[in-house]
Amino acid sequence: MESGSEWRQPCPASVSIPRPVLRRGIDTDAEAVAELYLRARRAAIPAIPTIVHTNEETRTWIARRVIPLTELWVAVRDERALVGMLALDNEWVDQLYVEPALTGQGIGAELIALAKRERPTGLRLWTFESNVQAQRFYERQGFTVRDRTAGENEEGAPAVLYVWDGRGR
């Protein structure tokens, strides 16, 4: 699966932004996770391809696959607002998405730091080759390019494999 995008939008230095609470995702988060995923994917176009599934198919996939079969983490503000999601599948960062209006505020970096603590021996992820902002984000987080494909994913888009080996390289 495509790992998400981390877009950078400047945040005025005078604005105090509360840090999100990171917690494990649970069944009752399914709707909020799906809506965040859909918003983030739509906001990232054209840097990433359009979703090939319907909104309903995506909601079902989140509820039936992502929540029960991955290690889902969510970033929450004010105990209500879900502002980020991270799905780990063994050593894979399967999904990483942040609320589009809040990108560039460190939420994605906090989720990646959590992933590194949970998988200290290493992580891998795919991102679309066209998603230059995500590539820069992952490289700042210590990931390096391991491979590239011509589009062997359901979107048919070229992709880049990133690896973090647990030693920061």
Protein backbone atom coordinates (compact mmCIF):
# COMPACT_ATOMS: atom_id res chain seq x y z
CA MET A 1 0.00 0.00 0.00
CA GLU A 2 1.05 3.55 -0.60
CA SER A 3 2.41 5.34 2.37
CA GLY A 4 0.87 8.72 2.82
CA SER A 5 1.94 12.19 2.12
CA GLU A 6 3.31 14.72 4.55
CA TRP A 7 2.72 18.17 3.08
CA ARG A 8 4.48 21.17 4.55
CA GLN A 9 2.53 24.33 5.15
CA PRO A 10 4.09 27.08 7.21
CA CYS A 11 2.78 27.57 10.69
CA PRO A 12 3.13 31.06 12.16
CA ALA A 13 5.62 31.06 15.03
CA SER A 14 3.17 33.00 17.20
CA VAL A 15 0.59 30.21 17.12
CA SER A 16 0.76 27.72 19.97
CA ILE A 17 -0.39 24.34 18.73
CA PRO A 18 -1.16 21.62 21.25
CA ARG A 19 0.69 18.38 20.62
CA PRO A 20 -1.53 15.48 19.72
CA VAL A 21 -1.95 12.44 21.93
CA LEU A 22 -0.82 9.24 20.21
CA ARG A 23 -2.82 6.15 21.04
CA ARG A 24 -3.73 2.79 19.52
CA GLY A 25 -6.59 2.91 17.08
CA ILE A 26 -9.72 0.97 18.00
CA ASP A 27 -12.85 -0.22 16.21
CA THR A 28 -14.79 2.93 17.03
CA ASP A 29 -12.13 4.99 15.20
CA ALA A 30 -12.99 3.37 11.85
CA GLU A 31 -15.18 6.17 10.52
CA ALA A 32 -12.84 8.98 11.60
CA VAL A 33 -9.79 7.14 10.22
CA ALA A 34 -11.53 6.53 6.89
CA GLU A 35 -12.61 10.16 6.58
CA LEU A 36 -9.11 11.40 7.41
CA TYR A 37 -7.62 9.01 4.85
CA LEU A 38 -10.07 10.17 2.16
CA ARG A 39 -9.48 13.88 2.92
CA ALA A 40 -5.71 13.46 2.90
CA ARG A 41 -5.68 11.47 -0.33
CA ARG A 42 -7.93 14.01 -2.08
CA ALA A 43 -5.82 16.94 -0.82
CA ALA A 44 -2.61 15.33 -2.11
CA ILE A 45 -3.79 15.17 -5.74
CA PRO A 46 -2.01 15.72 -8.16
CA ALA A 47 1.14 14.75 -6.22
CA ILE A 48 -0.36 11.28 -5.81
CA PRO A 49 -2.80 9.43 -8.07
CA THR A 50 -6.53 9.54 -7.50
CA ILE A 51 -7.90 6.77 -5.28
CA VAL A 52 -8.99 3.81 -7.40
CA HIS A 53 -11.68 2.68 -4.93
CA THR A 54 -14.99 4.24 -4.02
CA ASN A 55 -15.40 6.01 -0.70
CA GLU A 56 -17.54 3.13 0.55
CA GLU A 57 -14.93 0.54 -0.50
CA THR A 58 -12.30 2.59 1.33
CA ARG A 59 -14.42 2.79 4.49
CA THR A 60 -14.95 -0.99 4.39
CA TRP A 61 -11.21 -1.60 3.86
CA ILE A 62 -10.36 0.58 6.87
CA ALA A 63 -12.92 -1.18 9.09
CA ARG A 64 -12.22 -4.75 7.93
CA ARG A 65 -8.52 -4.71 7.14
CA VAL A 66 -6.63 -1.73 8.54
CA ILE A 67 -8.09 -1.65 12.05
CA PRO A 68 -8.18 -5.39 12.82
CA LEU A 69 -5.11 -6.54 10.85
CA THR A 70 -2.54 -3.78 11.30
CA GLU A 71 -1.11 -2.01 14.30
CA LEU A 72 -3.06 1.21 13.97
CA TRP A 73 -2.00 4.36 15.80
CA VAL A 74 -3.91 7.62 15.77
CA ALA A 75 -2.96 11.17 16.69
CA VAL A 76 -5.78 12.94 18.51
CA ARG A 77 -6.21 16.54 19.64
CA ASP A 78 -8.67 17.68 22.27
CA GLU A 79 -9.63 14.01 22.89
CA ARG A 80 -11.95 14.26 19.87
CA ALA A 81 -10.27 15.39 16.69
CA LEU A 82 -8.32 12.70 14.87
CA VAL A 83 -5.45 14.52 13.15
CA GLY A 84 -3.18 11.69 12.01
CA MET A 85 -3.02 7.96 11.44
CA LEU A 86 -0.25 5.40 11.14
CA ALA A 87 -0.76 1.74 10.24
CA LEU A 88 2.14 -0.64 10.81
CA ASP A 89 2.13 -4.08 9.22
CA ASN A 90 5.16 -5.93 10.57
CA GLU A 91 8.12 -3.78 9.46
CA TRP A 92 6.03 -1.87 6.92
CA VAL A 93 4.66 1.63 7.38
CA ASP A 94 1.50 0.66 5.52
CA GLN A 95 -0.30 4.00 5.86
CA LEU A 96 0.66 7.43 7.17
CA TYR A 97 -1.71 10.36 6.76
CA VAL A 98 -2.12 13.69 8.49
CA GLU A 99 -5.06 16.09 8.44
CA PRO A 100 -4.32 18.22 5.35
CA ALA A 101 -4.73 21.57 7.13
CA LEU A 102 -2.24 20.47 9.81
CA THR A 103 0.64 19.12 7.74
CA GLY A 104 4.03 20.59 8.44
CA GLN A 105 3.30 20.83 12.16
CA GLY A 106 5.21 17.73 13.27
CA ILE A 107 2.35 15.24 13.50
CA GLY A 108 3.78 12.96 10.81
CA ALA A 109 7.22 13.17 12.41
CA GLU A 110 5.76 12.18 15.79
CA LEU A 111 4.03 9.20 14.20
CA ILE A 112 7.24 8.13 12.45
CA ALA A 113 9.16 8.48 15.74
CA LEU A 114 6.57 6.21 17.34
CA ALA A 115 6.97 3.71 14.48
CA LYS A 116 10.74 3.70 15.04
CA ARG A 117 10.25 3.02 18.75
CA GLU A 118 7.83 0.18 17.95
CA ARG A 119 10.11 -1.28 15.24
CA PRO A 120 13.66 -0.44 16.39
CA THR A 121 15.22 -2.96 14.00
CA GLY A 122 13.92 -1.16 10.93
CA LEU A 123 11.03 0.03 8.80
CA ARG A 124 10.09 0.02 5.14
CA LEU A 125 7.52 1.94 3.15
CA TRP A 126 6.44 2.82 -0.37
CA THR A 127 5.59 6.28 -1.61
CA PHE A 128 4.63 7.45 -5.06
CA GLU A 129 7.52 8.72 -7.14
CA SER A 130 5.44 11.79 -7.97
CA ASN A 131 5.10 12.67 -4.26
CA VAL A 132 8.27 14.70 -3.88
CA GLN A 133 7.11 16.28 -0.60
CA ALA A 134 6.66 12.85 0.99
CA GLN A 135 10.09 11.78 -0.25
CA ARG A 136 11.69 14.83 1.37
CA PHE A 137 9.77 14.14 4.58
CA TYR A 138 10.93 10.51 4.79
CA GLU A 139 14.52 11.45 3.98
CA ARG A 140 14.46 14.00 6.83
CA GLN A 141 13.26 11.14 9.06
CA GLY A 142 16.34 9.07 8.17
CA PHE A 143 14.86 6.83 5.45
CA THR A 144 16.90 6.04 2.34
CA VAL A 145 15.84 4.88 -1.12
CA ARG A 146 16.22 1.14 -1.58
CA ASP A 147 14.32 0.48 -4.83
CA ARG A 148 12.01 1.95 -7.47
CA THR A 149 9.20 0.41 -9.49
CA ALA A 150 7.52 1.37 -12.74
CA GLY A 151 4.04 1.10 -11.26
CA GLU A 152 3.39 -2.35 -9.84
CA ASN A 153 0.61 -1.06 -7.58
CA GLU A 154 -3.12 -0.76 -8.02
CA GLU A 155 -2.78 2.85 -9.17
CA GLY A 156 -0.24 1.82 -11.83
CA ALA A 157 2.04 4.65 -10.70
CA PRO A 158 5.83 4.55 -10.27
CA ALA A 159 6.82 4.15 -6.63
CA VAL A 160 9.87 4.44 -4.40
CA LEU A 161 10.79 2.00 -1.63
CA TYR A 162 12.26 3.68 1.45
CA VAL A 163 14.07 1.87 4.27
CA TRP A 164 15.11 2.91 7.78
CA ASP A 165 17.50 0.28 9.13
CA GLY A 166 17.16 1.02 12.84
CA ARG A 167 20.52 2.79 13.00
CA GLY A 168 19.31 6.01 11.43
CA ARG A 169 20.53 5.03 7.96
